[in-house]
Amino acid sequence: MAQRPAVTVLGSLNTDVSLLVPHLPGPGETVLASAAATFGAGGKGANQAVAAARLGAAVSMVGCCGDDEFGARLRAGLAAEGIGVTGLRTVPGVASGLALITVDLAGENSIAVAAGANGLAGDAEVAAAFAQPCDVLVLSAEIPVPALGAALRRARADGVRTVLNLAPVPDRAAGLLAECPGWLVVNAQEAAALAGRPDGAPEQGGAALGRDAAAGLAAGLGGGHVVVTLGADGAALAGPSGAATVPGFPVTAVDTVGAGDAFVGALAVALASGLDPAAAVTAACAAGAAAATRRGAQAALPRPADVLAATGFAWPA
């Protein structure tokens, strides 16, 4: 490529406090961790920005952090990855975002998030997201819905390709879908919630669930693409280019915390690089699988050599 693909991410930044536990705790249950707590950089937006940067994009991160030590570390960590941070706003007197994560021995996780400064993202951040040109704008749902909606409207008016990751599914999600994102990425549980099954109970399993969910969501998206991620089973794609089921890459998963964000960041880079939809989703599946082979959120996000080593997939240059 003569020029690196340009990706802007408008989203959240958190400090992750992670615990490895024998099993995820149930309601009212106390589970003793198997090791000491670890502190790391996270937040869906920041994770997706790091994923895109490590896979070859020129990335700008837009969002809010507090004027605390956590915020300073989050900013410095992004800058160390070569990510542009001029769009990060430090909010005085507000704590930075914090996530409490438990991970079981099979790599499955449970996460609770305190939004902190992320909850104040608004007009200033939307303006910052469009301060310089980009090939793809990534939006993740750990910031307020009005900011996401405004960014989608501006992107549609300016002809900017968008990838909207509704994780978690916010209230008023239907309004965001009405803004016609170019790409919608959700997992099976999130797809079920968008389809009116808030308990996330699938009617079918695996690829069949993904195909039906992706097709149903794409039908109401106004010409955009929908990807439903299915963990080890890969992903389902539906949209103007047709429908496809992309198989997963078999790996030994130890921690799935950052896998979804690796998928979204990789998808943005692949699309910005000119890959067709099915090929872009395949590349994203490989990156997500590679991320699951290591512990942590940003610490586990792969570079091209890591993707190749874990999955045998050669990252497209």
Protein backbone atom coordinates (compact mmCIF):
# COMPACT_ATOMS: atom_id res chain seq x y z
CA MET A 1 0.00 0.00 0.00
CA ALA A 2 1.29 3.45 -0.87
CA GLN A 3 -0.44 4.99 2.16
CA ARG A 4 -1.50 3.66 5.54
CA PRO A 5 -5.27 3.42 5.95
CA ALA A 6 -6.63 6.14 8.25
CA VAL A 7 -8.96 5.12 11.09
CA THR A 8 -10.57 7.39 13.67
CA VAL A 9 -12.14 5.91 16.79
CA LEU A 10 -14.76 7.79 18.83
CA GLY A 11 -15.29 5.82 22.01
CA SER A 12 -14.36 4.98 25.56
CA LEU A 13 -11.16 4.70 27.58
CA ASN A 14 -11.05 2.66 30.79
CA THR A 15 -8.61 1.23 33.24
CA ASP A 16 -9.27 -2.52 33.53
CA VAL A 17 -8.99 -4.30 36.88
CA SER A 18 -8.91 -8.02 36.02
CA LEU A 19 -9.31 -11.10 38.22
CA LEU A 20 -8.68 -14.70 37.16
CA VAL A 21 -11.27 -16.88 38.91
CA PRO A 22 -12.08 -20.62 38.94
CA HIS A 23 -15.56 -19.82 37.63
CA LEU A 24 -17.62 -16.69 37.05
CA PRO A 25 -19.56 -15.78 40.21
CA GLY A 26 -23.32 -16.20 40.27
CA PRO A 27 -25.76 -13.85 42.03
CA GLY A 28 -24.73 -13.39 45.64
CA GLU A 29 -21.66 -15.60 45.25
CA THR A 30 -18.13 -14.69 46.33
CA VAL A 31 -15.34 -16.33 44.35
CA LEU A 32 -11.69 -16.09 45.37
CA ALA A 33 -9.32 -15.09 42.57
CA SER A 34 -6.64 -17.53 41.51
CA ALA A 35 -3.98 -14.81 41.36
CA ALA A 36 -3.41 -11.16 42.18
CA ALA A 37 -5.46 -8.52 40.41
CA THR A 38 -3.92 -6.96 37.30
CA PHE A 39 -4.38 -3.38 36.12
CA GLY A 40 -4.31 -2.57 32.41
CA ALA A 41 -5.49 -0.12 29.79
CA GLY A 42 -8.87 -0.81 28.24
CA GLY A 43 -12.21 0.61 27.16
CA LYS A 44 -13.79 -0.55 23.93
CA GLY A 45 -12.83 2.58 22.03
CA ALA A 46 -9.22 2.59 23.16
CA ASN A 47 -8.89 -1.16 22.59
CA GLN A 48 -10.22 -0.82 19.04
CA ALA A 49 -7.82 2.05 18.39
CA VAL A 50 -4.83 0.01 19.58
CA ALA A 51 -5.98 -3.00 17.56
CA ALA A 52 -6.18 -0.90 14.40
CA ALA A 53 -2.80 0.73 15.02
CA ARG A 54 -1.04 -2.59 15.59
CA LEU A 55 -2.50 -3.90 12.33
CA GLY A 56 -1.08 -1.06 10.28
CA ALA A 57 -3.52 1.86 10.34
CA ALA A 58 -2.81 5.50 11.12
CA VAL A 59 -5.19 5.95 14.05
CA SER A 60 -6.69 8.90 15.89
CA MET A 61 -8.48 8.38 19.22
CA VAL A 62 -11.30 10.71 20.29
CA GLY A 63 -12.94 10.58 23.71
CA CYS A 64 -12.82 11.77 27.32
CA CYS A 65 -10.73 10.87 30.33
CA GLY A 66 -10.49 12.26 33.86
CA ASP A 67 -7.80 14.51 35.27
CA ASP A 68 -6.49 11.65 37.41
CA GLU A 69 -3.52 9.32 37.26
CA PHE A 70 -5.55 6.74 35.36
CA GLY A 71 -6.38 9.28 32.66
CA ALA A 72 -2.75 10.33 32.28
CA ARG A 73 -1.68 6.71 31.89
CA LEU A 74 -4.39 5.99 29.33
CA ARG A 75 -3.32 8.97 27.22
CA ALA A 76 0.36 8.07 27.46
CA GLY A 77 -0.33 4.45 26.54
CA LEU A 78 -2.17 5.41 23.37
CA ALA A 79 0.56 7.86 22.38
CA ALA A 80 3.15 5.12 22.88
CA GLU A 81 1.27 3.03 20.30
CA GLY A 82 1.62 5.87 17.78
CA ILE A 83 -2.05 6.83 18.08
CA GLY A 84 -3.04 10.48 17.72
CA VAL A 85 -4.41 11.82 21.01
CA THR A 86 -5.20 15.45 20.17
CA GLY A 87 -8.88 14.47 20.18
CA LEU A 88 -8.77 13.29 23.80
CA ARG A 89 -10.37 15.74 26.24
CA THR A 90 -9.33 15.74 29.90
CA VAL A 91 -12.34 16.60 32.06
CA PRO A 92 -11.44 18.36 35.33
CA GLY A 93 -12.85 16.94 38.54
CA VAL A 94 -14.12 13.71 36.96
CA ALA A 95 -12.77 10.18 37.35
CA SER A 96 -11.61 8.23 34.32
CA GLY A 97 -13.58 5.15 33.27
CA LEU A 98 -13.03 1.92 35.19
CA ALA A 99 -13.90 -1.69 34.34
CA LEU A 100 -13.99 -4.65 36.74
CA ILE A 101 -13.37 -7.90 34.85
CA THR A 102 -13.54 -11.51 35.98
CA VAL A 103 -12.13 -14.20 33.69
CA ASP A 104 -12.66 -17.93 34.24
CA LEU A 105 -10.33 -20.80 33.41
CA ALA A 106 -11.97 -21.29 30.00
CA GLY A 107 -11.31 -17.66 29.06
CA GLU A 108 -14.93 -16.50 29.38
CA ASN A 109 -15.47 -13.16 31.08
CA SER A 110 -17.90 -10.95 32.94
CA ILE A 111 -17.45 -7.17 32.95
CA ALA A 112 -18.92 -4.25 34.89
CA VAL A 113 -18.06 -0.69 33.84
CA ALA A 114 -18.16 2.68 35.59
CA ALA A 115 -18.30 5.18 32.72
CA GLY A 116 -16.72 8.14 34.51
CA ALA A 117 -15.52 10.75 32.02
CA ASN A 118 -16.69 8.60 29.11
CA GLY A 119 -20.24 9.61 29.97
CA LEU A 120 -19.45 13.23 29.11
CA ALA A 121 -18.51 12.70 25.47
CA GLY A 122 -20.58 15.08 23.37
CA ASP A 123 -20.48 17.78 20.71
CA ALA A 124 -16.80 18.58 21.25
CA GLU A 125 -15.84 14.97 20.63
CA VAL A 126 -18.05 14.69 17.55
CA ALA A 127 -16.32 17.77 16.10
CA ALA A 128 -12.90 16.34 16.97
CA ALA A 129 -13.73 13.06 15.21
CA PHE A 130 -14.12 14.97 11.95
CA ALA A 131 -11.18 17.32 12.44
CA GLN A 132 -9.12 15.36 9.94
CA PRO A 133 -10.01 12.98 7.10
CA CYS A 134 -10.28 9.25 7.72
CA ASP A 135 -11.12 6.18 5.68
CA VAL A 136 -13.24 4.62 8.44
CA LEU A 137 -14.82 6.05 11.59
CA VAL A 138 -15.33 3.50 14.39
CA LEU A 139 -18.01 4.18 17.01
CA SER A 140 -18.48 2.09 20.15
CA ALA A 141 -21.37 2.19 22.60
CA GLU A 142 -19.64 2.95 25.90
CA ILE A 143 -20.25 6.67 25.29
CA PRO A 144 -23.59 8.56 25.26
CA VAL A 145 -26.10 7.74 22.54
CA PRO A 146 -26.58 11.41 21.50
CA ALA A 147 -22.87 11.64 20.62
CA LEU A 148 -23.07 8.43 18.59
CA GLY A 149 -26.17 9.63 16.76
CA ALA A 150 -24.63 13.00 15.96
CA ALA A 151 -21.48 11.33 14.65
CA LEU A 152 -23.49 8.98 12.43
CA ARG A 153 -25.46 11.89 10.98
CA ARG A 154 -22.30 13.89 10.30
CA ALA A 155 -20.61 10.87 8.73
CA ARG A 156 -23.55 10.22 6.43
CA ALA A 157 -23.60 13.86 5.34
CA ASP A 158 -19.84 13.86 4.72
CA GLY A 159 -19.71 10.46 3.03
CA VAL A 160 -17.52 8.87 5.74
CA ARG A 161 -17.71 5.08 6.15
CA THR A 162 -18.72 4.05 9.67
CA VAL A 163 -18.41 0.92 11.80
CA LEU A 164 -20.81 0.96 14.76
CA ASN A 165 -20.18 -1.55 17.55
CA LEU A 166 -23.23 -1.74 19.81
CA ALA A 167 -21.52 -3.40 22.75
CA PRO A 168 -23.30 -3.12 25.06
CA VAL A 169 -26.66 -2.43 23.39
CA PRO A 170 -27.76 0.97 24.76
CA ASP A 171 -31.22 2.30 25.36
CA ARG A 172 -32.54 3.98 22.19
CA ALA A 173 -30.44 1.69 20.02
CA ALA A 174 -33.18 1.75 17.38
CA GLY A 175 -32.53 5.43 16.86
CA LEU A 176 -28.89 4.70 16.09
CA LEU A 177 -29.82 2.04 13.55
CA ALA A 178 -32.13 4.58 11.92
CA GLU A 179 -29.04 6.73 11.25
CA CYS A 180 -27.91 4.03 8.78
CA PRO A 181 -24.39 3.08 9.87
CA GLY A 182 -22.33 1.61 7.08
CA TRP A 183 -21.42 -1.40 9.22
CA LEU A 184 -23.03 -2.73 12.40
CA VAL A 185 -21.06 -5.20 14.53
CA VAL A 186 -22.72 -7.09 17.41
CA ASN A 187 -22.34 -10.46 19.07
CA ALA A 188 -25.13 -13.03 19.23
CA GLN A 189 -26.49 -11.78 22.56
CA GLU A 190 -26.50 -8.18 21.37
CA ALA A 191 -28.19 -9.19 18.13
CA ALA A 192 -30.89 -10.93 20.16
CA ALA A 193 -31.41 -7.79 22.25
CA LEU A 194 -31.75 -5.65 19.11
CA ALA A 195 -34.27 -8.16 17.77
CA GLY A 196 -36.46 -7.73 20.87
CA ARG A 197 -35.21 -10.64 22.97
CA PRO A 198 -33.51 -8.72 25.81
CA ASP A 199 -32.66 -11.90 27.68
CA GLY A 200 -30.36 -12.75 24.77
CA ALA A 201 -31.76 -16.26 24.50
CA PRO A 202 -31.00 -17.58 21.01
CA GLU A 203 -33.71 -19.36 19.09
CA GLN A 204 -31.09 -21.38 17.24
CA GLY A 205 -27.44 -22.09 17.82
CA GLY A 206 -24.15 -21.22 16.18
CA ALA A 207 -23.98 -20.23 12.53
CA ALA A 208 -27.74 -20.64 11.96
CA LEU A 209 -28.45 -18.05 14.66
CA GLY A 210 -25.85 -15.72 13.19
CA ARG A 211 -27.17 -15.94 9.65
CA ASP A 212 -30.74 -15.25 10.66
CA ALA A 213 -29.82 -12.45 13.05
CA ALA A 214 -27.53 -10.72 10.54
CA ALA A 215 -30.11 -10.95 7.76
CA GLY A 216 -32.89 -9.62 9.99
CA LEU A 217 -30.87 -6.64 11.17
CA ALA A 218 -29.55 -5.87 7.68
CA ALA A 219 -33.10 -5.71 6.34
CA GLY A 220 -33.78 -2.65 8.47
CA LEU A 221 -30.42 -0.95 8.15
CA GLY A 222 -30.96 1.03 4.99
CA GLY A 223 -28.28 -0.57 2.85
CA GLY A 224 -25.57 -1.16 5.45
CA HIS A 225 -23.73 -4.35 6.34
CA VAL A 226 -24.30 -6.32 9.54
CA VAL A 227 -21.80 -8.65 11.19
CA VAL A 228 -22.83 -10.95 14.03
CA THR A 229 -19.77 -12.36 15.78
CA LEU A 230 -20.09 -15.93 17.02
CA GLY A 231 -16.94 -16.51 19.07
CA ALA A 232 -15.21 -19.72 18.09
CA ASP A 233 -17.80 -20.25 15.34
CA GLY A 234 -16.60 -17.17 13.42
CA ALA A 235 -19.09 -14.57 12.19
CA ALA A 236 -22.12 -14.09 9.96
CA LEU A 237 -22.31 -11.28 7.40
CA ALA A 238 -25.31 -9.80 5.63
CA GLY A 239 -25.76 -6.71 3.51
CA PRO A 240 -25.79 -5.31 -0.02
CA SER A 241 -22.93 -7.58 -1.06
CA GLY A 242 -24.89 -10.66 0.00
CA ALA A 243 -24.75 -13.04 2.95
CA ALA A 244 -21.86 -15.18 4.11
CA THR A 245 -20.83 -17.26 7.08
CA VAL A 246 -17.16 -16.93 7.90
CA PRO A 247 -15.79 -19.85 9.93
CA GLY A 248 -13.71 -19.21 13.02
CA PHE A 249 -10.02 -19.93 13.38
CA PRO A 250 -9.36 -22.77 15.83
CA VAL A 251 -7.16 -21.57 18.69
CA THR A 252 -6.75 -22.34 22.38
CA ALA A 253 -8.51 -19.42 24.05
CA VAL A 254 -7.23 -18.25 27.43
CA ASP A 255 -8.97 -14.85 27.69
CA THR A 256 -11.69 -13.45 25.45
CA VAL A 257 -11.76 -9.95 27.00
CA GLY A 258 -10.19 -8.13 24.04
CA ALA A 259 -11.25 -10.46 21.24
CA GLY A 260 -14.33 -8.49 20.19
CA ASP A 261 -12.40 -5.23 20.12
CA ALA A 262 -9.62 -6.86 18.10
CA PHE A 263 -12.31 -7.94 15.63
CA VAL A 264 -13.74 -4.42 15.29
CA GLY A 265 -10.36 -2.73 14.97
CA ALA A 266 -9.20 -5.28 12.42
CA LEU A 267 -12.43 -4.95 10.43
CA ALA A 268 -11.93 -1.19 10.22
CA VAL A 269 -8.36 -1.60 8.94
CA ALA A 270 -9.37 -4.25 6.42
CA LEU A 271 -12.20 -2.11 5.06
CA ALA A 272 -9.99 0.98 4.94
CA SER A 273 -7.42 -1.07 3.03
CA GLY A 274 -9.97 -1.88 0.33
CA LEU A 275 -10.83 -5.51 1.13
CA ASP A 276 -14.24 -6.73 0.05
CA PRO A 277 -16.78 -7.42 2.84
CA ALA A 278 -16.27 -11.19 3.17
CA ALA A 279 -12.48 -10.88 3.07
CA ALA A 280 -12.57 -8.07 5.65
CA VAL A 281 -14.66 -10.20 8.02
CA THR A 282 -12.30 -13.14 7.54
CA ALA A 283 -9.33 -10.95 8.48
CA ALA A 284 -11.24 -9.66 11.51
CA CYS A 285 -12.03 -13.21 12.65
CA ALA A 286 -8.33 -14.07 12.49
CA ALA A 287 -7.38 -11.05 14.59
CA GLY A 288 -10.08 -11.78 17.16
CA ALA A 289 -8.97 -15.40 17.46
CA ALA A 290 -5.35 -14.34 17.91
CA ALA A 291 -6.31 -11.93 20.69
CA ALA A 292 -8.05 -14.72 22.60
CA THR A 293 -4.80 -16.68 22.89
CA ARG A 294 -3.28 -14.15 25.32
CA ARG A 295 -4.45 -12.59 28.57
CA GLY A 296 -5.49 -8.98 28.98
CA ALA A 297 -7.29 -6.47 26.82
CA GLN A 298 -4.82 -4.16 25.08
CA ALA A 299 -1.90 -6.37 26.07
CA ALA A 300 -3.36 -9.20 23.99
CA LEU A 301 -4.19 -7.22 20.84
CA PRO A 302 -2.21 -8.75 17.97
CA ARG A 303 0.17 -7.48 15.35
CA PRO A 304 0.30 -9.15 11.92
CA ALA A 305 3.00 -11.58 13.05
CA ASP A 306 0.87 -12.59 16.04
CA VAL A 307 -2.15 -13.23 13.82
CA LEU A 308 -0.03 -15.42 11.53
CA ALA A 309 1.50 -17.35 14.44
CA ALA A 310 -1.84 -18.01 16.14
CA THR A 311 -4.07 -18.72 13.13
CA GLY A 312 -1.92 -19.22 10.03
CA PHE A 313 -3.66 -16.23 8.41
CA ALA A 314 -1.36 -13.75 6.68
CA TRP A 315 -2.55 -10.24 7.44
CA PRO A 316 -3.20 -8.43 4.12
CA ALA A 317 -0.65 -5.69 3.48
